[in-house]
Amino acid sequence: MPVHVILAAAAIGVSVPLLAWAVASTREPLSGTVARNLAGTMGGHDLRQVLLQRSARERAVQPTVEWVAGRARRVTPLGMIEELERRAQTAGMGHLSTDRLLASKAGLGIAGVFVGFLFWVGNPSLASFVFAAALAAGGWFSVDLVLSHKAQERRTLVQRQLPDTLDQITIMVESGLGFEAALHRAARTGTGPLAEELARTLQDVQIGVARQDALRRLVDRVDVADLRRFVHAVAQAEVYGVPIAQVLRSQSGELREKRKHRAEEQAMKVPVKIVFPLVLCILPALFVVILGPAAIRLIQAGIAG
């Protein structure tokens, strides 16, 4: 019998008892020793039981999100990450962490790649490859598009609410309230994103942030040109000693005029916007109703002739 066959049989004969001993052994593994030592420092509680008491989100979802976000952060430029954070703040979603946003971008991008790959495998061509690439890019940038849309809606709401809110602040300041007290009253009685941002600004002032710095943070979060000019006017009034009520009165009047001009501008755009549905939808139906019977009679007369 060859020597290598004898050695192989001997190795198998020795490994089988060793495997049985390793599986059936009653000696305590190293992990059990570590767990017992940790339990002694945790008041007699098993570390595994402590971990199992946590929710499934904390045990599985959160570590997965952090891992995906870490990989996405490595391949994303720093400028894009900062822009993503700024868009989240402007959209009123500052409570969402950057890791969650990056993990969402990465997950949607991977989903787009997977769906595009399946589409390309089913129909391999240049057009399907371009469509697959578009799906992957759309999945990656979909979070940015949603944030941009939310931010634009929020800016529009703030721009609409600003003239009325500023009128309210002006009346309260002229009646004897301080500027910060007027802001507090407007934030408490108002609704919408502007009232929320004013309340957050007052919270910054209460924790020790200078009023000008708090107002600048407000402008950075909202990113509305009218609000930026208002904050700049308030800062200039404090520097040059101009009465704040006078500044508020002039700013509120200017914002009312701008709102009136924007409304007139939108009204002037309506006839232009009506042309397309009129030509594409209404006029063809009118032509069918008016010219249809005449065309049918001409056809019948031609056939009869």
Foldseek 3Di string as FASTA:
>chain_A
DDPVVVVVVVVVVVVVVVVVCVVPPPDDDPVVVVQVVVCVVVVNDGPVVVLVVDDPCVVPVVVVLQVQLVVLVVPDDPVVLVVLCLLCLLLVNNVDDSSNLSSQLSVQLVVLLVVLVVQCVVPPDPVSNVSSVVSNVCRNCVSVVVSVVSSVVQLVVCLVCVLVLLVQLLVVVVVPDDNLVSLLVSLVPDDGDVSVLSVVLSVCVVVPDDNLVSLVVSCSSNVHPLSVVLSVLQVVCVVVVPDPSVSSVVSSVVSVVVVVVVVVVVVVCVVVVVVVCCVPPVVVVVCCVPCVVVVVVVVVVVVVD
